[in-house]
C-alpha cells in the first residue's frame, strides 16, 4: 500500500533544514518512488532567498550583517522569507506531481498539494486558505510562504516556511529598494503563527499537526522514515556576494515587473568580463515559482539539455508566464550585444 514517509519534527540549524530538501527529493526519486515529508524547527534571524533571487535586488546585505541576520538561499524558487525568531520549515518531496493528489498536473501541483498543509494548519487551530501564488493565509492574514522546484523527470520539491515569533515579511530596513516597492501581501498584514494560532500549542505540536494533516488529506498512512539523510549543508551557507546566484561573466541586467514581483535576466559571456563577444546564453532569475531547470533551458533559448525532454509548456510556473521569461531573456541578450552593454 502506498504510504508517506515522514521524519519527526526536530530542531535543526537553518542550513541543515534547507539542505534537507535536495536530500529528500533524492529519496523520493529512488526506486520505490515514495513521498517524503519532514518538519524542521529553526531559529533566525535570517532571510531565506528563493533559489533564483539575486541577493542585492532583495536585501541590503550590509544592513542584514549589522543586524546579525543571515542571508541564505534555499533549493526552491519563489520569494524570500524572513525568519525573525523561532520558525518551522516543512519539506515535501514527491516522486511526481500526482503522488498525493491524483488529479494534479505540473501546472496545478501547488494548488493541489498545498491542500494538505491547509488541512494541517486548520487542525492546529486557524482557518487556512490558499488563493494562488506563494503564500498561505491563516485567519485571512499571510502566514506561511511556499517554495517550489521540480526535476526534468517530474519529481517535485515543495517547502513551506512559517515564523512563530515574527511575520515572514522582510523588515523595510533590511530590504533593497526594488523589494520595498512590491506589495507582496496584497494589502494584508502578514502574521506570525503566534498571532493566529492558539497559544497552548508548541512549535513542535504545530509542526506535527501539519505533517499529519498532509497525510490525512492524501489518505496515506504515515511511516516513520527514521533519521534524516546525510545533508550537504555546505551548499546553504550564508551569502556574501550581491549578485549571487548570477554566474561569473553575467552583465547587462534586464528587469521586469510581473504579478508576483520581479523577474530579471543577464547576458552570460563565454569569456567572463569580456564584453561584446556574442553572449552564450541568458541567466534568468527572480521571484517566479518554477523549476530551476526550466529557467536554465529558457536562458539557453529553449534548447533542452541532455535528458531534459520535458515539454516546457507543461512545466510548473506560477507568478509569471513563459512569454514573460522568454522576452526578458531576449532583452538581456540584446543589451549584452549593444555597445556599452
Protein backbone atom coordinates (compact mmCIF):
# COMPACT_ATOMS: atom_id res chain seq x y z
CA UNK A 1 0.00 0.00 0.00
CA UNK A 2 1.35 3.49 -0.80
CA UNK A 3 2.47 5.45 2.24
CA UNK A 4 4.04 8.74 3.18
CA UNK A 5 7.45 8.55 4.80
CA UNK A 6 7.98 11.17 7.47
CA UNK A 7 10.85 12.44 9.59
CA UNK A 8 9.78 13.63 13.03
CA UNK A 9 9.96 17.36 13.77
CA UNK A 10 13.27 18.23 15.42
CA UNK A 11 15.37 21.33 15.96
CA UNK A 12 17.85 21.83 13.12
CA UNK A 13 20.23 24.59 12.13
CA UNK A 14 18.56 26.52 9.33
CA UNK A 15 21.33 25.48 6.94
CA UNK A 16 20.51 21.81 7.63
CA UNK A 17 16.77 22.43 7.21
CA UNK A 18 17.43 23.88 3.75
CA UNK A 19 19.76 21.02 2.83
CA UNK A 20 17.01 18.55 3.71
CA UNK A 21 15.09 19.48 0.55
CA UNK A 22 17.53 18.07 -2.03
CA UNK A 23 18.23 15.06 0.21
CA UNK A 24 14.55 14.11 0.48
CA UNK A 25 14.00 14.79 -3.21
CA UNK A 26 16.72 12.23 -3.96
CA UNK A 27 14.89 9.73 -1.76
CA UNK A 28 11.56 10.43 -3.48
CA UNK A 29 13.17 9.80 -6.87
CA UNK A 30 14.59 6.45 -5.73
CA UNK A 31 13.24 3.15 -6.99
CA UNK A 32 10.27 2.95 -4.60
CA UNK A 33 9.03 6.39 -5.59
CA UNK A 34 7.54 7.29 -2.20
CA UNK A 35 6.62 10.77 -0.97
CA UNK A 36 8.67 12.16 1.92
CA UNK A 37 7.73 14.84 4.43
CA UNK A 38 9.77 16.42 7.21
CA UNK A 39 9.46 19.37 9.58
CA UNK A 40 12.43 21.32 10.91
CA UNK A 41 12.23 23.64 13.91
CA UNK A 42 14.61 26.52 13.20
CA UNK A 43 15.76 29.84 14.59
CA UNK A 44 16.60 33.17 13.00
CA UNK A 45 17.14 35.94 12.43
CA UNK A 46 17.64 35.10 8.78
CA UNK A 47 16.39 35.92 5.32
CA UNK A 48 15.84 32.84 3.15
CA UNK A 49 16.03 33.77 -0.53
CA UNK A 50 14.36 31.84 -3.32
CA UNK A 51 16.73 29.80 -5.47
CA UNK A 52 16.63 32.29 -8.36
CA UNK A 53 16.51 35.61 -6.48
CA UNK A 54 19.57 37.84 -6.91
CA UNK A 55 20.63 38.78 -3.40
CA UNK A 56 21.18 42.52 -3.85
CA UNK A 57 17.79 43.00 -5.51
CA UNK A 58 16.03 41.60 -2.45
CA UNK A 59 18.07 42.59 0.60
CA UNK A 60 20.63 45.10 1.81
CA UNK A 61 23.44 42.71 2.72
CA UNK A 62 25.23 45.28 4.88
CA UNK A 63 22.07 46.04 6.86
CA UNK A 64 21.45 42.32 7.37
CA UNK A 65 25.01 41.82 8.63
CA UNK A 66 24.69 44.75 11.02
CA UNK A 67 21.52 43.25 12.47
CA UNK A 68 23.03 39.76 12.70
CA UNK A 69 20.52 38.34 10.19
CA UNK A 70 21.99 35.64 7.97
CA UNK A 71 21.09 35.64 4.27
CA UNK A 72 20.70 32.10 2.97
CA UNK A 73 19.49 30.58 -0.28
CA UNK A 74 17.15 27.62 -0.49
CA UNK A 75 16.78 24.97 -3.21
CA UNK A 76 13.24 26.03 -4.16
CA UNK A 77 12.27 29.04 -6.25
CA UNK A 78 9.88 31.79 -5.20
CA UNK A 79 10.08 34.81 -2.92
CA UNK A 80 12.11 35.45 0.22
CA UNK A 81 11.02 34.55 3.75
CA UNK A 82 12.15 36.40 6.86
CA UNK A 83 12.55 34.29 9.98
CA UNK A 84 12.88 36.74 12.85
CA UNK A 85 12.99 34.19 15.65
CA UNK A 86 11.64 30.67 16.05
CA UNK A 87 10.09 29.14 12.96
CA UNK A 88 9.36 25.95 11.07
CA UNK A 89 10.25 24.62 7.63
CA UNK A 90 8.14 21.83 6.15
CA UNK A 91 9.82 19.87 3.36
CA UNK A 92 7.68 17.79 0.99
CA UNK A 93 9.34 15.70 -1.74
CA UNK A 94 7.21 13.86 -4.30
CA UNK A 95 8.23 11.35 -6.98
CA UNK A 96 5.76 13.06 -9.35
CA UNK A 97 3.16 15.84 -9.27
CA UNK A 98 0.21 13.49 -8.70
CA UNK A 99 1.78 11.42 -5.91
CA UNK A 100 -0.65 12.84 -3.30
CA UNK A 101 -3.43 14.26 -5.49
CA UNK A 102 -4.31 12.05 -8.48
CA UNK A 103 -5.67 14.99 -10.49
CA UNK A 104 -2.57 17.17 -10.05
CA UNK A 105 -0.56 18.18 -13.10
CA UNK A 106 2.65 20.15 -13.40
CA UNK A 107 0.65 23.36 -13.79
CA UNK A 108 -1.71 22.64 -10.85
CA UNK A 109 0.70 20.95 -8.48
CA UNK A 110 0.88 23.81 -5.97
CA UNK A 111 -2.89 24.22 -5.88
CA UNK A 112 -3.42 20.51 -5.30
CA UNK A 113 -0.53 19.78 -2.97
CA UNK A 114 -1.00 22.81 -0.74
CA UNK A 115 -4.36 21.37 0.40
CA UNK A 116 -2.73 19.03 2.90
CA UNK A 117 -0.94 21.97 4.50
CA UNK A 118 -4.24 23.83 4.73
CA UNK A 119 -5.78 20.86 6.49
CA UNK A 120 -2.86 20.57 8.90
CA UNK A 121 -2.80 24.28 9.76
CA UNK A 122 -6.58 24.25 10.24
CA UNK A 123 -6.16 21.28 12.60
CA UNK A 124 -3.64 23.38 14.51
CA UNK A 125 -6.36 25.91 15.22
CA UNK A 126 -6.82 28.53 12.47
CA UNK A 127 -8.79 28.58 9.20
CA UNK A 128 -6.25 28.24 6.38
CA UNK A 129 -6.74 29.25 2.75
CA UNK A 130 -4.69 29.42 -0.42
CA UNK A 131 -5.58 31.89 -3.16
CA UNK A 132 -2.75 31.11 -5.56
CA UNK A 133 0.86 32.13 -5.95
CA UNK A 134 3.23 31.97 -2.99
CA UNK A 135 1.55 32.23 0.40
CA UNK A 136 -0.98 30.57 2.69
CA UNK A 137 -3.44 32.69 4.65
CA UNK A 138 -4.37 31.99 8.29
CA UNK A 139 -7.33 33.92 9.65
CA UNK A 140 -7.16 36.00 6.45
CA UNK A 141 -3.51 37.01 7.01
CA UNK A 142 -0.45 35.74 5.10
CA UNK A 143 1.36 33.40 7.49
CA UNK A 144 3.22 30.72 5.50
CA UNK A 145 5.37 31.01 2.37
CA UNK A 146 5.75 28.42 -0.40
CA UNK A 147 8.83 27.42 -2.39
CA UNK A 148 8.88 25.11 -5.42
CA UNK A 149 11.29 23.13 -7.55
CA UNK A 150 10.91 20.20 -9.93
CA UNK A 151 13.25 17.91 -11.84
CA UNK A 152 13.14 17.24 -15.59
CA UNK A 153 11.72 13.77 -14.89
CA UNK A 154 8.82 15.26 -12.90
CA UNK A 155 9.80 14.88 -9.24
CA UNK A 156 8.66 17.80 -7.08
CA UNK A 157 10.03 19.62 -4.05
CA UNK A 158 7.77 21.95 -2.04
CA UNK A 159 8.97 23.90 1.00
CA UNK A 160 6.72 25.81 3.39
CA UNK A 161 8.14 28.46 5.77
CA UNK A 162 6.41 29.99 8.79
CA UNK A 163 7.62 32.08 11.70
CA UNK A 164 6.34 31.59 15.23
CA UNK A 165 7.61 34.87 16.70
CA UNK A 166 7.71 37.19 13.67
CA UNK A 167 5.88 37.57 10.38
CA UNK A 168 7.54 36.48 7.15
CA UNK A 169 7.83 39.93 5.60
CA UNK A 170 11.37 41.27 5.25
CA UNK A 171 11.66 44.34 7.53
CA UNK A 172 11.93 47.51 5.42
CA UNK A 173 15.31 48.38 6.92
CA UNK A 174 16.73 45.09 5.60
CA UNK A 175 15.08 45.18 2.17
CA UNK A 176 16.61 46.52 -1.05
CA UNK A 177 14.80 49.37 -2.83
CA UNK A 178 13.34 47.10 -5.53
CA UNK A 179 11.92 44.84 -2.83
CA UNK A 180 10.33 47.66 -0.86
CA UNK A 181 8.19 48.81 -3.79
CA UNK A 182 6.45 45.42 -4.17
CA UNK A 183 3.19 44.77 -2.31
CA UNK A 184 3.92 41.11 -1.67
CA UNK A 185 0.93 40.59 0.59
CA UNK A 186 -1.81 42.28 -1.47
CA UNK A 187 -2.50 44.88 1.17
CA UNK A 188 -2.82 42.37 4.02
CA UNK A 189 -0.70 42.40 7.18
CA UNK A 190 1.46 39.25 7.41
CA UNK A 191 1.16 37.29 10.65
CA UNK A 192 3.38 35.19 12.85
CA UNK A 193 1.94 31.80 13.85
CA UNK A 194 1.67 33.09 17.42
CA UNK A 195 -0.69 35.80 16.14
CA UNK A 196 -3.18 33.40 14.56
CA UNK A 197 -2.86 30.01 16.31
CA UNK A 198 -3.83 29.06 19.87
CA UNK A 199 -1.07 29.85 22.36
CA UNK A 200 -1.39 26.45 24.01
CA UNK A 201 0.37 24.74 21.08
CA UNK A 202 4.14 24.42 20.99
CA UNK A 203 6.03 24.86 17.75
CA UNK A 204 6.66 21.10 17.68
CA UNK A 205 2.93 20.42 18.05
CA UNK A 206 2.14 22.82 15.21
CA UNK A 207 4.75 21.17 13.01
CA UNK A 208 3.40 17.70 13.80
CA UNK A 209 -0.22 18.73 13.18
CA UNK A 210 0.70 19.86 9.68
CA UNK A 211 2.60 16.65 8.89
CA UNK A 212 -0.41 14.63 9.99
CA UNK A 213 -2.76 16.88 8.03
CA UNK A 214 -0.85 16.36 4.79
CA UNK A 215 -1.04 12.59 5.22
CA UNK A 216 -4.74 12.68 6.14
CA UNK A 217 -5.61 14.86 3.13
CA UNK A 218 -3.83 12.38 0.86
CA UNK A 219 -5.42 9.41 2.67
CA UNK A 220 -1.98 7.87 3.16
CA UNK A 221 -0.58 6.20 6.27
CA UNK A 222 2.46 7.84 7.84
CA UNK A 223 5.55 5.68 8.07
CA UNK A 224 8.46 6.68 10.27
CA UNK A 225 11.34 7.38 7.92
CA UNK A 226 13.93 7.20 10.67
CA UNK A 227 16.87 9.56 10.83
CA UNK A 228 17.38 12.38 8.37
CA UNK A 229 19.62 11.54 5.40
CA UNK A 230 23.14 12.83 5.10
CA UNK A 231 22.97 16.55 4.34
CA UNK A 232 25.11 18.74 2.11
CA UNK A 233 24.68 21.79 4.34
CA UNK A 234 27.78 23.48 2.89
CA UNK A 235 25.63 24.40 -0.13
CA UNK A 236 23.39 26.52 2.09
CA UNK A 237 25.82 28.72 3.97
CA UNK A 238 25.28 32.49 4.36
CA UNK A 239 25.69 34.60 1.23
CA UNK A 240 28.11 37.50 0.85
CA UNK A 241 28.07 38.21 -2.92
CA UNK A 242 25.43 40.73 -4.02
CA UNK A 243 24.93 39.20 -7.49
CA UNK A 244 24.60 35.61 -6.30
CA UNK A 245 23.27 33.38 -7.99
CA UNK A 246 24.04 35.08 -11.33
CA UNK A 247 27.09 33.31 -12.79
CA UNK A 248 30.52 34.90 -13.36
CA UNK A 249 30.57 36.75 -16.64
CA UNK A 250 26.95 37.89 -16.40
CA UNK A 251 26.33 41.51 -17.32
CA UNK A 252 23.79 43.85 -18.90
CA UNK A 253 20.98 43.07 -16.48
CA UNK A 254 17.34 43.43 -17.52
CA UNK A 255 14.47 43.73 -15.03
CA UNK A 256 10.70 43.39 -15.48
CA UNK A 257 7.66 43.53 -13.22
CA UNK A 258 5.33 40.53 -13.17
CA UNK A 259 2.33 39.77 -10.93
CA UNK A 260 4.47 38.06 -8.29
CA UNK A 261 7.10 40.83 -8.17
CA UNK A 262 10.22 40.92 -10.37
CA UNK A 263 11.94 38.73 -12.90
CA UNK A 264 15.42 39.52 -14.17
CA UNK A 265 17.93 38.34 -16.72
CA UNK A 266 21.54 38.93 -17.66
CA UNK A 267 23.71 38.06 -20.63
CA UNK A 268 26.36 35.44 -19.87
CA UNK A 269 29.52 35.55 -21.97
CA UNK A 270 31.77 32.67 -22.89
CA UNK A 271 34.73 34.76 -21.75
CA UNK A 272 33.96 36.41 -18.38
CA UNK A 273 34.39 40.18 -18.19
CA UNK A 274 34.99 40.49 -21.96
CA UNK A 275 32.05 42.43 -23.41
CA UNK A 276 30.61 42.22 -26.94
CA UNK A 277 31.79 38.64 -27.56
CA UNK A 278 28.38 37.30 -28.52
CA UNK A 279 26.67 36.24 -25.26
CA UNK A 280 26.46 32.47 -24.96
CA UNK A 281 23.13 32.48 -23.12
CA UNK A 282 20.99 34.40 -20.68
CA UNK A 283 20.77 33.88 -16.94
CA UNK A 284 17.14 34.06 -15.78
CA UNK A 285 16.10 34.66 -12.19
CA UNK A 286 13.67 36.48 -9.96
CA UNK A 287 10.59 35.82 -7.91
CA UNK A 288 8.84 33.29 -10.13
CA UNK A 289 7.84 29.85 -8.77
CA UNK A 290 9.05 27.27 -11.25
CA UNK A 291 11.61 24.55 -11.89
CA UNK A 292 15.20 25.72 -11.93
CA UNK A 293 15.91 23.55 -14.97
CA UNK A 294 13.22 25.42 -16.91
CA UNK A 295 14.88 28.79 -16.19
CA UNK A 296 18.17 27.34 -17.43
CA UNK A 297 16.55 25.93 -20.58
CA UNK A 298 14.85 29.24 -21.39
CA UNK A 299 18.13 31.05 -20.90
CA UNK A 300 19.67 28.76 -23.49
CA UNK A 301 16.91 29.64 -25.94
CA UNK A 302 14.72 26.62 -25.14
CA UNK A 303 17.41 24.16 -26.17
CA UNK A 304 16.91 21.34 -23.66
CA UNK A 305 20.00 19.91 -22.05
CA UNK A 306 20.72 16.22 -22.27
CA UNK A 307 17.96 14.31 -20.52
CA UNK A 308 15.66 17.36 -20.37
CA UNK A 309 12.96 16.13 -22.73
CA UNK A 310 10.14 17.65 -20.67
CA UNK A 311 7.67 19.88 -22.52
CA UNK A 312 8.27 23.42 -21.25
CA UNK A 313 4.58 24.20 -21.72
CA UNK A 314 3.74 21.51 -19.14
CA UNK A 315 6.22 22.71 -16.51
CA UNK A 316 5.27 24.23 -13.16
CA UNK A 317 5.09 28.01 -13.39
CA UNK A 318 3.45 30.49 -11.00
CA UNK A 319 3.72 34.27 -10.86
CA UNK A 320 4.84 34.90 -14.46
CA UNK A 321 4.40 33.38 -17.93
CA UNK A 322 6.73 31.65 -20.35
CA UNK A 323 6.27 34.66 -22.63
CA UNK A 324 7.46 36.97 -19.82
CA UNK A 325 10.58 34.89 -19.25
CA UNK A 326 11.43 34.43 -22.94
CA UNK A 327 11.00 38.15 -23.65
CA UNK A 328 13.28 39.13 -20.78
CA UNK A 329 15.96 36.63 -21.86
CA UNK A 330 15.91 38.11 -25.37
CA UNK A 331 16.15 41.62 -23.94
CA UNK A 332 19.19 40.72 -21.81
CA UNK A 333 20.95 39.16 -24.79
CA UNK A 334 20.21 42.22 -26.92
CA UNK A 335 21.61 44.50 -24.20
CA UNK A 336 24.69 42.30 -23.98
CA UNK A 337 25.36 42.75 -27.70
CA UNK A 338 24.78 46.51 -27.67
CA UNK A 339 27.67 48.98 -27.33
CA UNK A 340 28.16 49.74 -23.68
CA UNK A 341 26.11 46.66 -22.69
